[in-house]
Amino acid sequence: MPLTNHRTAHHAFLRHLYADDYYPDHVLDQGRAVLLRLCERIEAEQPADLAALYPLTHAATEEFNRLQEAFEEAGSEIETVAREEIAEDFWFIAKAYGFTGADPEELIATRDW
């Protein structure tokens, strides 16, 4: 499903991580896909408020939790730089869809990275 939100459709998710050879592109591609699926779900389900948005972001965060093994198998990990970049993209998505009052920490509250 093509994204209708211009900001998310043209955003370079995980941009800084792609620029660093420490992070394998094939794993970043999976992370980027998680973020794009989150955008698709927001557009399809149109959460009315933060109480409806947070379960969507938590589900996407759980997908990132499962990606940790793929990072490790590729000789990488979700460490400080990656955590910050991923969190910033979650925050970008929330703002792009009008949830400017979202708590950045709550967006990714289910993380174990």
PDB file of N, CA and C in Angstrom:
ATOM      1  N   MET A   1       0.847  -1.169   0.000  1.00  0.00           N
ATOM      2  CA  MET A   1       0.000   0.000   0.000  1.00  0.00           C
ATOM      3  C   MET A   1       0.902   1.245   0.000  1.00  0.00           C
ATOM      4  N   PRO A   2       0.811   2.067  -1.020  1.00  0.00           N
ATOM      5  CA  PRO A   2       1.618   3.293  -1.030  1.00  0.00           C
ATOM      6  C   PRO A   2       1.137   4.268   0.049  1.00  0.00           C
ATOM      7  N   LEU A   3       2.092   4.892   0.690  1.00  0.00           N
ATOM      8  CA  LEU A   3       1.759   5.853   1.743  1.00  0.00           C
ATOM      9  C   LEU A   3       1.166   7.117   1.136  1.00  0.00           C
ATOM     10  N   THR A   4       0.161   7.663   1.813  1.00  0.00           N
ATOM     11  CA  THR A   4      -0.454   8.896   1.335  1.00  0.00           C
ATOM     12  C   THR A   4       0.114  10.121   2.040  1.00  0.00           C
ATOM     13  N   ASN A   5       0.756   9.917   3.183  1.00  0.00           N
ATOM     14  CA  ASN A   5       1.367  11.024   3.913  1.00  0.00           C
ATOM     15  C   ASN A   5       2.676  11.388   3.211  1.00  0.00           C
ATOM     16  N   HIS A   6       2.738  12.578   2.673  1.00  0.00           N
ATOM     17  CA  HIS A   6       3.906  13.011   1.892  1.00  0.00           C
ATOM     18  C   HIS A   6       5.189  12.963   2.723  1.00  0.00           C
ATOM     19  N   ARG A   7       5.105  13.361   3.979  1.00  0.00           N
ATOM     20  CA  ARG A   7       6.311  13.398   4.820  1.00  0.00           C
ATOM     21  C   ARG A   7       6.880  12.006   5.040  1.00  0.00           C
ATOM     22  N   THR A   8       6.040  11.038   5.349  1.00  0.00           N
ATOM     23  CA  THR A   8       6.552   9.695   5.602  1.00  0.00           C
ATOM     24  C   THR A   8       6.930   8.986   4.311  1.00  0.00           C
ATOM     25  N   ALA A   9       6.195   9.254   3.249  1.00  0.00           N
ATOM     26  CA  ALA A   9       6.491   8.604   1.968  1.00  0.00           C
ATOM     27  C   ALA A   9       7.868   8.987   1.438  1.00  0.00           C
ATOM     28  N   HIS A  10       8.338  10.161   1.785  1.00  0.00           N
ATOM     29  CA  HIS A  10       9.611  10.644   1.258  1.00  0.00           C
ATOM     30  C   HIS A  10      10.715  10.709   2.314  1.00  0.00           C
ATOM     31  N   HIS A  11      10.459  10.166   3.475  1.00  0.00           N
ATOM     32  CA  HIS A  11      11.449  10.203   4.552  1.00  0.00           C
ATOM     33  C   HIS A  11      12.470   9.079   4.393  1.00  0.00           C
ATOM     34  N   ALA A  12      13.719   9.386   4.630  1.00  0.00           N
ATOM     35  CA  ALA A  12      14.797   8.383   4.572  1.00  0.00           C
ATOM     36  C   ALA A  12      14.951   7.764   5.966  1.00  0.00           C
ATOM     37  N   PHE A  13      14.162   6.748   6.237  1.00  0.00           N
ATOM     38  CA  PHE A  13      14.213   6.092   7.543  1.00  0.00           C
ATOM     39  C   PHE A  13      15.576   5.445   7.766  1.00  0.00           C
ATOM     40  N   LEU A  14      16.061   5.572   8.991  1.00  0.00           N
ATOM     41  CA  LEU A  14      17.341   4.996   9.432  1.00  0.00           C
ATOM     42  C   LEU A  14      18.530   5.521   8.619  1.00  0.00           C
ATOM     43  N   ARG A  15      18.392   6.699   8.096  1.00  0.00           N
ATOM     44  CA  ARG A  15      19.384   7.299   7.195  1.00  0.00           C
ATOM     45  C   ARG A  15      20.796   7.264   7.762  1.00  0.00           C
ATOM     46  N   HIS A  16      20.963   7.668   8.999  1.00  0.00           N
ATOM     47  CA  HIS A  16      22.306   7.724   9.570  1.00  0.00           C
ATOM     48  C   HIS A  16      22.900   6.335   9.766  1.00  0.00           C
ATOM     49  N   LEU A  17      22.063   5.355  10.004  1.00  0.00           N
ATOM     50  CA  LEU A  17      22.561   3.996  10.167  1.00  0.00           C
ATOM     51  C   LEU A  17      23.022   3.420   8.840  1.00  0.00           C
ATOM     52  N   TYR A  18      22.299   3.720   7.776  1.00  0.00           N
ATOM     53  CA  TYR A  18      22.717   3.259   6.447  1.00  0.00           C
ATOM     54  C   TYR A  18      24.084   3.838   6.073  1.00  0.00           C
ATOM     55  N   ALA A  19      24.400   5.005   6.601  1.00  0.00           N
ATOM     56  CA  ALA A  19      25.672   5.656   6.270  1.00  0.00           C
ATOM     57  C   ALA A  19      26.854   5.059   7.042  1.00  0.00           C
ATOM     58  N   ASP A  20      26.579   4.182   7.991  1.00  0.00           N
ATOM     59  CA  ASP A  20      27.618   3.600   8.838  1.00  0.00           C
ATOM     60  C   ASP A  20      27.755   2.115   8.518  1.00  0.00           C
ATOM     61  N   ASP A  21      28.942   1.695   8.109  1.00  0.00           N
ATOM     62  CA  ASP A  21      29.169   0.301   7.723  1.00  0.00           C
ATOM     63  C   ASP A  21      28.977  -0.694   8.867  1.00  0.00           C
ATOM     64  N   TYR A  22      28.940  -0.220  10.092  1.00  0.00           N
ATOM     65  CA  TYR A  22      28.735  -1.111  11.239  1.00  0.00           C
ATOM     66  C   TYR A  22      27.363  -1.788  11.184  1.00  0.00           C
ATOM     67  N   TYR A  23      26.413  -1.108  10.579  1.00  0.00           N
ATOM     68  CA  TYR A  23      25.053  -1.623  10.501  1.00  0.00           C
ATOM     69  C   TYR A  23      24.818  -2.231   9.121  1.00  0.00           C
ATOM     70  N   PRO A  24      24.532  -3.524   9.066  1.00  0.00           N
ATOM     71  CA  PRO A  24      24.357  -4.192   7.771  1.00  0.00           C
ATOM     72  C   PRO A  24      23.067  -3.740   7.073  1.00  0.00           C
ATOM     73  N   ASP A  25      23.214  -3.392   5.806  1.00  0.00           N
ATOM     74  CA  ASP A  25      22.068  -2.892   5.039  1.00  0.00           C
ATOM     75  C   ASP A  25      20.898  -3.875   5.027  1.00  0.00           C
ATOM     76  N   HIS A  26      21.186  -5.171   4.901  1.00  0.00           N
ATOM     77  CA  HIS A  26      20.073  -6.131   4.804  1.00  0.00           C
ATOM     78  C   HIS A  26      19.247  -6.169   6.094  1.00  0.00           C
ATOM     79  N   VAL A  27      19.864  -5.898   7.240  1.00  0.00           N
ATOM     80  CA  VAL A  27      19.113  -5.834   8.493  1.00  0.00           C
ATOM     81  C   VAL A  27      18.408  -4.481   8.604  1.00  0.00           C
ATOM     82  N   LEU A  28      19.088  -3.423   8.187  1.00  0.00           N
ATOM     83  CA  LEU A  28      18.456  -2.101   8.186  1.00  0.00           C
ATOM     84  C   LEU A  28      17.230  -2.087   7.274  1.00  0.00           C
ATOM     85  N   ASP A  29      17.319  -2.815   6.164  1.00  0.00           N
ATOM     86  CA  ASP A  29      16.169  -2.902   5.257  1.00  0.00           C
ATOM     87  C   ASP A  29      14.961  -3.491   5.986  1.00  0.00           C
ATOM     88  N   GLN A  30      15.216  -4.473   6.850  1.00  0.00           N
ATOM     89  CA  GLN A  30      14.127  -5.067   7.632  1.00  0.00           C
ATOM     90  C   GLN A  30      13.564  -4.045   8.629  1.00  0.00           C
ATOM     91  N   GLY A  31      14.448  -3.255   9.242  1.00  0.00           N
ATOM     92  CA  GLY A  31      14.005  -2.219  10.166  1.00  0.00           C
ATOM     93  C   GLY A  31      13.217  -1.138   9.460  1.00  0.00           C
ATOM     94  N   ARG A  32      13.695  -0.753   8.292  1.00  0.00           N
ATOM     95  CA  ARG A  32      12.974   0.243   7.491  1.00  0.00           C
ATOM     96  C   ARG A  32      11.578  -0.278   7.146  1.00  0.00           C
ATOM     97  N   ALA A  33      11.482  -1.565   6.816  1.00  0.00           N
ATOM     98  CA  ALA A  33      10.193  -2.173   6.483  1.00  0.00           C
ATOM     99  C   ALA A  33       9.252  -2.128   7.691  1.00  0.00           C
ATOM    100  N   VAL A  34       9.783  -2.315   8.894  1.00  0.00           N
ATOM    101  CA  VAL A  34       8.970  -2.214  10.115  1.00  0.00           C
ATOM    102  C   VAL A  34       8.367  -0.816  10.215  1.00  0.00           C
ATOM    103  N   LEU A  35       9.196   0.190   9.999  1.00  0.00           N
ATOM    104  CA  LEU A  35       8.727   1.578  10.098  1.00  0.00           C
ATOM    105  C   LEU A  35       7.687   1.897   9.021  1.00  0.00           C
ATOM    106  N   LEU A  36       7.908   1.402   7.821  1.00  0.00           N
ATOM    107  CA  LEU A  36       6.934   1.636   6.752  1.00  0.00           C
ATOM    108  C   LEU A  36       5.616   0.923   7.038  1.00  0.00           C
ATOM    109  N   ARG A  37       5.692  -0.287   7.592  1.00  0.00           N
ATOM    110  CA  ARG A  37       4.457  -0.991   7.970  1.00  0.00           C
ATOM    111  C   ARG A  37       3.711  -0.225   9.062  1.00  0.00           C
ATOM    112  N   LEU A  38       4.465   0.368   9.980  1.00  0.00           N
ATOM    113  CA  LEU A  38       3.827   1.188  11.015  1.00  0.00           C
ATOM    114  C   LEU A  38       3.064   2.337  10.360  1.00  0.00           C
ATOM    115  N   CYS A  39       3.678   3.003   9.416  1.00  0.00           N
ATOM    116  CA  CYS A  39       3.001   4.097   8.703  1.00  0.00           C
ATOM    117  C   CYS A  39       1.746   3.590   8.001  1.00  0.00           C
ATOM    118  N   GLU A  40       1.865   2.439   7.349  1.00  0.00           N
ATOM    119  CA  GLU A  40       0.710   1.867   6.656  1.00  0.00           C
ATOM    120  C   GLU A  40      -0.421   1.558   7.632  1.00  0.00           C
ATOM    121  N   ARG A  41      -0.076   1.011   8.789  1.00  0.00           N
ATOM    122  CA  ARG A  41      -1.105   0.700   9.788  1.00  0.00           C
ATOM    123  C   ARG A  41      -1.774   1.971  10.301  1.00  0.00           C
ATOM    124  N   ILE A  42      -0.978   3.002  10.531  1.00  0.00           N
ATOM    125  CA  ILE A  42      -1.557   4.272  10.994  1.00  0.00           C
ATOM    126  C   ILE A  42      -2.513   4.817   9.942  1.00  0.00           C
ATOM    127  N   GLU A  43      -2.118   4.747   8.683  1.00  0.00           N
ATOM    128  CA  GLU A  43      -2.998   5.256   7.629  1.00  0.00           C
ATOM    129  C   GLU A  43      -4.253   4.398   7.479  1.00  0.00           C
ATOM    130  N   ALA A  44      -4.117   3.090   7.630  1.00  0.00           N
ATOM    131  CA  ALA A  44      -5.261   2.198   7.466  1.00  0.00           C
ATOM    132  C   ALA A  44      -6.213   2.272   8.661  1.00  0.00           C
ATOM    133  N   GLU A  45      -5.648   2.297   9.869  1.00  0.00           N
ATOM    134  CA  GLU A  45      -6.483   2.244  11.069  1.00  0.00           C
ATOM    135  C   GLU A  45      -6.884   3.622  11.589  1.00  0.00           C
ATOM    136  N   GLN A  46      -6.157   4.641  11.183  1.00  0.00           N
ATOM    137  CA  GLN A  46      -6.429   6.024  11.576  1.00  0.00           C
ATOM    138  C   GLN A  46      -6.744   6.156  13.063  1.00  0.00           C
ATOM    139  N   PRO A  47      -5.755   5.883  13.921  1.00  0.00           N
ATOM    140  CA  PRO A  47      -6.000   6.010  15.361  1.00  0.00           C
ATOM    141  C   PRO A  47      -6.455   7.423  15.709  1.00  0.00           C
ATOM    142  N   ALA A  48      -7.466   7.497  16.550  1.00  0.00           N
ATOM    143  CA  ALA A  48      -8.067   8.789  16.889  1.00  0.00           C
ATOM    144  C   ALA A  48      -7.299   9.543  17.961  1.00  0.00           C
ATOM    145  N   ASP A  49      -6.528   8.812  18.753  1.00  0.00           N
ATOM    146  CA  ASP A  49      -5.825   9.455  19.857  1.00  0.00           C
ATOM    147  C   ASP A  49      -4.587   8.640  20.220  1.00  0.00           C
ATOM    148  N   LEU A  50      -3.863   9.123  21.216  1.00  0.00           N
ATOM    149  CA  LEU A  50      -2.636   8.448  21.632  1.00  0.00           C
ATOM    150  C   LEU A  50      -2.909   7.048  22.173  1.00  0.00           C
ATOM    151  N   ALA A  51      -4.028   6.876  22.842  1.00  0.00           N
ATOM    152  CA  ALA A  51      -4.378   5.563  23.371  1.00  0.00           C
ATOM    153  C   ALA A  51      -4.516   4.529  22.254  1.00  0.00           C
ATOM    154  N   ALA A  52      -4.897   4.977  21.074  1.00  0.00           N
ATOM    155  CA  ALA A  52      -5.010   4.086  19.914  1.00  0.00           C
ATOM    156  C   ALA A  52      -3.695   3.992  19.140  1.00  0.00           C
ATOM    157  N   LEU A  53      -2.872   5.033  19.215  1.00  0.00           N
ATOM    158  CA  LEU A  53      -1.583   5.023  18.513  1.00  0.00           C
ATOM    159  C   LEU A  53      -0.565   4.129  19.204  1.00  0.00           C
ATOM    160  N   TYR A  54      -0.476   4.210  20.512  1.00  0.00           N
ATOM    161  CA  TYR A  54       0.575   3.492  21.233  1.00  0.00           C
ATOM    162  C   TYR A  54       0.579   1.979  20.983  1.00  0.00           C
ATOM    163  N   PRO A  55      -0.550   1.304  20.920  1.00  0.00           N
ATOM    164  CA  PRO A  55      -0.487  -0.131  20.606  1.00  0.00           C
ATOM    165  C   PRO A  55       0.144  -0.412  19.238  1.00  0.00           C
ATOM    166  N   LEU A  56      -0.052   0.495  18.294  1.00  0.00           N
ATOM    167  CA  LEU A  56       0.561   0.322  16.972  1.00  0.00           C
ATOM    168  C   LEU A  56       2.077   0.486  17.051  1.00  0.00           C
ATOM    169  N   THR A  57       2.527   1.508  17.777  1.00  0.00           N
ATOM    170  CA  THR A  57       3.971   1.718  17.888  1.00  0.00           C
ATOM    171  C   THR A  57       4.616   0.629  18.742  1.00  0.00           C
ATOM    172  N   HIS A  58       3.887   0.133  19.729  1.00  0.00           N
ATOM    173  CA  HIS A  58       4.426  -0.944  20.559  1.00  0.00           C
ATOM    174  C   HIS A  58       4.603  -2.223  19.736  1.00  0.00           C
ATOM    175  N   ALA A  59       3.662  -2.503  18.857  1.00  0.00           N
ATOM    176  CA  ALA A  59       3.783  -3.685  17.996  1.00  0.00           C
ATOM    177  C   ALA A  59       5.004  -3.549  17.075  1.00  0.00           C
ATOM    178  N   ALA A  60       5.220  -2.363  16.533  1.00  0.00           N
ATOM    179  CA  ALA A  60       6.396  -2.135  15.681  1.00  0.00           C
ATOM    180  C   ALA A  60       7.681  -2.247  16.501  1.00  0.00           C
ATOM    181  N   THR A  61       7.645  -1.774  17.729  1.00  0.00           N
ATOM    182  CA  THR A  61       8.812  -1.885  18.610  1.00  0.00           C
ATOM    183  C   THR A  61       9.133  -3.350  18.869  1.00  0.00           C
ATOM    184  N   GLU A  62       8.114  -4.165  19.055  1.00  0.00           N
ATOM    185  CA  GLU A  62       8.321  -5.599  19.250  1.00  0.00           C
ATOM    186  C   GLU A  62       9.007  -6.220  18.034  1.00  0.00           C
ATOM    187  N   GLU A  63       8.676  -5.723  16.845  1.00  0.00           N
ATOM    188  CA  GLU A  63       9.355  -6.217  15.638  1.00  0.00           C
ATOM    189  C   GLU A  63      10.841  -5.860  15.684  1.00  0.00           C
ATOM    190  N   PHE A  64      11.163  -4.664  16.146  1.00  0.00           N
ATOM    191  CA  PHE A  64      12.572  -4.296  16.304  1.00  0.00           C
ATOM    192  C   PHE A  64      13.242  -5.176  17.364  1.00  0.00           C
ATOM    193  N   ASN A  65      12.523  -5.513  18.425  1.00  0.00           N
ATOM    194  CA  ASN A  65      13.077  -6.409  19.438  1.00  0.00           C
ATOM    195  C   ASN A  65      13.521  -7.721  18.796  1.00  0.00           C
ATOM    196  N   ARG A  66      12.704  -8.240  17.895  1.00  0.00           N
ATOM    197  CA  ARG A  66      13.031  -9.500  17.225  1.00  0.00           C
ATOM    198  C   ARG A  66      14.190  -9.342  16.239  1.00  0.00           C
ATOM    199  N   LEU A  67      14.446  -8.125  15.763  1.00  0.00           N
ATOM    200  CA  LEU A  67      15.559  -7.892  14.835  1.00  0.00           C
ATOM    201  C   LEU A  67      16.924  -7.913  15.514  1.00  0.00           C
ATOM    202  N   GLN A  68      16.944  -7.829  16.834  1.00  0.00           N
ATOM    203  CA  GLN A  68      18.234  -7.811  17.532  1.00  0.00           C
ATOM    204  C   GLN A  68      19.099  -9.005  17.157  1.00  0.00           C
ATOM    205  N   GLU A  69      18.492 -10.164  17.050  1.00  0.00           N
ATOM    206  CA  GLU A  69      19.249 -11.367  16.702  1.00  0.00           C
ATOM    207  C   GLU A  69      19.872 -11.238  15.316  1.00  0.00           C
ATOM    208  N   ALA A  70      19.130 -10.676  14.378  1.00  0.00           N
ATOM    209  CA  ALA A  70      19.660 -10.492  13.019  1.00  0.00           C
ATOM    210  C   ALA A  70      20.843  -9.520  13.035  1.00  0.00           C
ATOM    211  N   PHE A  71      20.752  -8.466  13.839  1.00  0.00           N
ATOM    212  CA  PHE A  71      21.877  -7.543  13.974  1.00  0.00           C
ATOM    213  C   PHE A  71      23.095  -8.291  14.511  1.00  0.00           C
ATOM    214  N   GLU A  72      22.890  -9.071  15.571  1.00  0.00           N
ATOM    215  CA  GLU A  72      23.999  -9.783  16.194  1.00  0.00           C
ATOM    216  C   GLU A  72      24.621 -10.800  15.250  1.00  0.00           C
ATOM    217  N   GLU A  73      23.793 -11.521  14.511  1.00  0.00           N
ATOM    218  CA  GLU A  73      24.304 -12.502  13.550  1.00  0.00           C
ATOM    219  C   GLU A  73      25.150 -11.840  12.471  1.00  0.00           C
ATOM    220  N   ALA A  74      24.879 -10.573  12.195  1.00  0.00           N
ATOM    221  CA  ALA A  74      25.628  -9.827  11.174  1.00  0.00           C
ATOM    222  C   ALA A  74      26.800  -9.060  11.785  1.00  0.00           C
ATOM    223  N   GLY A  75      27.088  -9.302  13.059  1.00  0.00           N
ATOM    224  CA  GLY A  75      28.221  -8.643  13.707  1.00  0.00           C
ATOM    225  C   GLY A  75      27.940  -7.222  14.149  1.00  0.00           C
ATOM    226  N   SER A  76      26.694  -6.915  14.398  1.00  0.00           N
ATOM    227  CA  SER A  76      26.281  -5.576  14.797  1.00  0.00           C
ATOM    228  C   SER A  76      25.356  -5.701  16.005  1.00  0.00           C
ATOM    229  N   GLU A  77      24.792  -4.599  16.434  1.00  0.00           N
ATOM    230  CA  GLU A  77      23.815  -4.622  17.513  1.00  0.00           C
ATOM    231  C   GLU A  77      23.034  -3.317  17.520  1.00  0.00           C
ATOM    232  N   ILE A  78      21.918  -3.346  18.223  1.00  0.00           N
ATOM    233  CA  ILE A  78      21.152  -2.123  18.428  1.00  0.00           C
ATOM    234  C   ILE A  78      21.737  -1.477  19.680  1.00  0.00           C
ATOM    235  N   GLU A  79      22.728  -0.623  19.479  1.00  0.00           N
ATOM    236  CA  GLU A  79      23.397   0.058  20.584  1.00  0.00           C
ATOM    237  C   GLU A  79      22.967   1.514  20.592  1.00  0.00           C
ATOM    238  N   THR A  80      23.658   2.350  21.315  1.00  0.00           N
ATOM    239  CA  THR A  80      23.208   3.718  21.572  1.00  0.00           C
ATOM    240  C   THR A  80      22.855   4.492  20.305  1.00  0.00           C
ATOM    241  N   VAL A  81      23.729   4.488  19.319  1.00  0.00           N
ATOM    242  CA  VAL A  81      23.465   5.246  18.090  1.00  0.00           C
ATOM    243  C   VAL A  81      22.218   4.711  17.400  1.00  0.00           C
ATOM    244  N   ALA A  82      22.114   3.406  17.288  1.00  0.00           N
ATOM    245  CA  ALA A  82      20.957   2.800  16.632  1.00  0.00           C
ATOM    246  C   ALA A  82      19.680   3.062  17.424  1.00  0.00           C
ATOM    247  N   ARG A  83      19.753   2.922  18.751  1.00  0.00           N
ATOM    248  CA  ARG A  83      18.570   3.181  19.585  1.00  0.00           C
ATOM    249  C   ARG A  83      18.040   4.583  19.356  1.00  0.00           C
ATOM    250  N   GLU A  84      18.944   5.548  19.333  1.00  0.00           N
ATOM    251  CA  GLU A  84      18.529   6.936  19.148  1.00  0.00           C
ATOM    252  C   GLU A  84      17.932   7.162  17.764  1.00  0.00           C
ATOM    253  N   GLU A  85      18.537   6.580  16.748  1.00  0.00           N
ATOM    254  CA  GLU A  85      18.032   6.752  15.380  1.00  0.00           C
ATOM    255  C   GLU A  85      16.650   6.122  15.231  1.00  0.00           C
ATOM    256  N   ILE A  86      16.478   4.927  15.770  1.00  0.00           N
ATOM    257  CA  ILE A  86      15.182   4.255  15.690  1.00  0.00           C
ATOM    258  C   ILE A  86      14.132   5.069  16.448  1.00  0.00           C
ATOM    259  N   ALA A  87      14.460   5.505  17.653  1.00  0.00           N
ATOM    260  CA  ALA A  87      13.530   6.300  18.454  1.00  0.00           C
ATOM    261  C   ALA A  87      13.157   7.594  17.740  1.00  0.00           C
ATOM    262  N   GLU A  88      14.130   8.231  17.106  1.00  0.00           N
ATOM    263  CA  GLU A  88      13.841   9.470  16.364  1.00  0.00           C
ATOM    264  C   GLU A  88      12.889   9.214  15.212  1.00  0.00           C
ATOM    265  N   ASP A  89      13.028   8.073  14.543  1.00  0.00           N
ATOM    266  CA  ASP A  89      12.108   7.770  13.446  1.00  0.00           C
ATOM    267  C   ASP A  89      10.699   7.484  13.957  1.00  0.00           C
ATOM    268  N   PHE A  90      10.570   6.825  15.100  1.00  0.00           N
ATOM    269  CA  PHE A  90       9.243   6.636  15.688  1.00  0.00           C
ATOM    270  C   PHE A  90       8.621   7.999  16.008  1.00  0.00           C
ATOM    271  N   TRP A  91       9.404   8.898  16.575  1.00  0.00           N
ATOM    272  CA  TRP A  91       8.921  10.233  16.922  1.00  0.00           C
ATOM    273  C   TRP A  91       8.550  11.001  15.656  1.00  0.00           C
ATOM    274  N   PHE A  92       9.365  10.883  14.605  1.00  0.00           N
ATOM    275  CA  PHE A  92       9.060  11.522  13.330  1.00  0.00           C
ATOM    276  C   PHE A  92       7.702  11.043  12.807  1.00  0.00           C
ATOM    277  N   ILE A  93       7.478   9.735  12.863  1.00  0.00           N
ATOM    278  CA  ILE A  93       6.219   9.175  12.375  1.00  0.00           C
ATOM    279  C   ILE A  93       5.039   9.739  13.174  1.00  0.00           C
ATOM    280  N   ALA A  94       5.163   9.738  14.481  1.00  0.00           N
ATOM    281  CA  ALA A  94       4.070  10.261  15.312  1.00  0.00           C
ATOM    282  C   ALA A  94       3.748  11.702  14.928  1.00  0.00           C
ATOM    283  N   LYS A  95       4.774  12.532  14.810  1.00  0.00           N
ATOM    284  CA  LYS A  95       4.548  13.943  14.449  1.00  0.00           C
ATOM    285  C   LYS A  95       3.963  14.063  13.052  1.00  0.00           C
ATOM    286  N   ALA A  96       4.451  13.264  12.113  1.00  0.00           N
ATOM    287  CA  ALA A  96       3.979  13.342  10.732  1.00  0.00           C
ATOM    288  C   ALA A  96       2.488  13.041  10.624  1.00  0.00           C
ATOM    289  N   TYR A  97       1.988  12.214  11.537  1.00  0.00           N
ATOM    290  CA  TYR A  97       0.566  11.874  11.523  1.00  0.00           C
ATOM    291  C   TYR A  97      -0.241  12.691  12.520  1.00  0.00           C
ATOM    292  N   GLY A  98       0.356  13.774  13.013  1.00  0.00           N
ATOM    293  CA  GLY A  98      -0.377  14.721  13.830  1.00  0.00           C
ATOM    294  C   GLY A  98      -0.388  14.445  15.328  1.00  0.00           C
ATOM    295  N   PHE A  99       0.396  13.474  15.767  1.00  0.00           N
ATOM    296  CA  PHE A  99       0.435  13.133  17.194  1.00  0.00           C
ATOM    297  C   PHE A  99       1.607  13.845  17.867  1.00  0.00           C
ATOM    298  N   THR A 100       1.562  15.170  17.825  1.00  0.00           N
ATOM    299  CA  THR A 100       2.671  15.968  18.365  1.00  0.00           C
ATOM    300  C   THR A 100       2.758  15.890  19.881  1.00  0.00           C
ATOM    301  N   GLY A 101       1.703  15.454  20.532  1.00  0.00           N
ATOM    302  CA  GLY A 101       1.704  15.308  21.980  1.00  0.00           C
ATOM    303  C   GLY A 101       2.162  13.942  22.453  1.00  0.00           C
ATOM    304  N   ALA A 102       2.596  13.099  21.528  1.00  0.00           N
ATOM    305  CA  ALA A 102       3.033  11.754  21.904  1.00  0.00           C
ATOM    306  C   ALA A 102       4.286  11.825  22.760  1.00  0.00           C
ATOM    307  N   ASP A 103       4.384  10.925  23.692  1.00  0.00           N
ATOM    308  CA  ASP A 103       5.567  10.799  24.537  1.00  0.00           C
ATOM    309  C   ASP A 103       6.563   9.920  23.779  1.00  0.00           C
ATOM    310  N   PRO A 104       7.715  10.461  23.390  1.00  0.00           N
ATOM    311  CA  PRO A 104       8.687   9.674  22.617  1.00  0.00           C
ATOM    312  C   PRO A 104       9.083   8.365  23.302  1.00  0.00           C
ATOM    313  N   GLU A 105       9.171   8.374  24.625  1.00  0.00           N
ATOM    314  CA  GLU A 105       9.521   7.146  25.345  1.00  0.00           C
ATOM    315  C   GLU A 105       8.370   6.140  25.321  1.00  0.00           C
ATOM    316  N   GLU A 106       7.149   6.631  25.396  1.00  0.00           N
ATOM    317  CA  GLU A 106       6.002   5.724  25.373  1.00  0.00           C
ATOM    318  C   GLU A 106       5.828   5.085  24.000  1.00  0.00           C
ATOM    319  N   LEU A 107       6.221   5.799  22.949  1.00  0.00           N
ATOM    320  CA  LEU A 107       6.114   5.239  21.599  1.00  0.00           C
ATOM    321  C   LEU A 107       6.859   3.913  21.492  1.00  0.00           C
ATOM    322  N   ILE A 108       7.986   3.804  22.183  1.00  0.00           N
ATOM    323  CA  ILE A 108       8.835   2.618  22.101  1.00  0.00           C
ATOM    324  C   ILE A 108       8.978   1.936  23.463  1.00  0.00           C
ATOM    325  N   ALA A 109       7.965   2.059  24.283  1.00  0.00           N
ATOM    326  CA  ALA A 109       8.029   1.571  25.658  1.00  0.00           C
ATOM    327  C   ALA A 109       8.277   0.071  25.763  1.00  0.00           C
ATOM    328  N   THR A 110       7.928  -0.686  24.757  1.00  0.00           N
ATOM    329  CA  THR A 110       8.087  -2.144  24.823  1.00  0.00           C
ATOM    330  C   THR A 110       9.460  -2.609  24.332  1.00  0.00           C
ATOM    331  N   ARG A 111      10.355  -1.684  24.116  1.00  0.00           N
ATOM    332  CA  ARG A 111      11.681  -2.059  23.597  1.00  0.00           C
ATOM    333  C   ARG A 111      12.481  -2.808  24.650  1.00  0.00           C
ATOM    334  N   ASP A 112      13.350  -3.685  24.172  1.00  0.00           N
ATOM    335  CA  ASP A 112      14.316  -4.318  25.059  1.00  0.00           C
ATOM    336  C   ASP A 112      15.729  -4.136  24.506  1.00  0.00           C
ATOM    337  N   TRP A 113      15.917  -3.010  23.845  1.00  0.00           N
ATOM    338  CA  TRP A 113      17.220  -2.645  23.296  1.00  0.00           C
ATOM    339  C   TRP A 113      17.625  -1.286  23.826  1.00  0.00           C
TER     340      TRP A 113
END
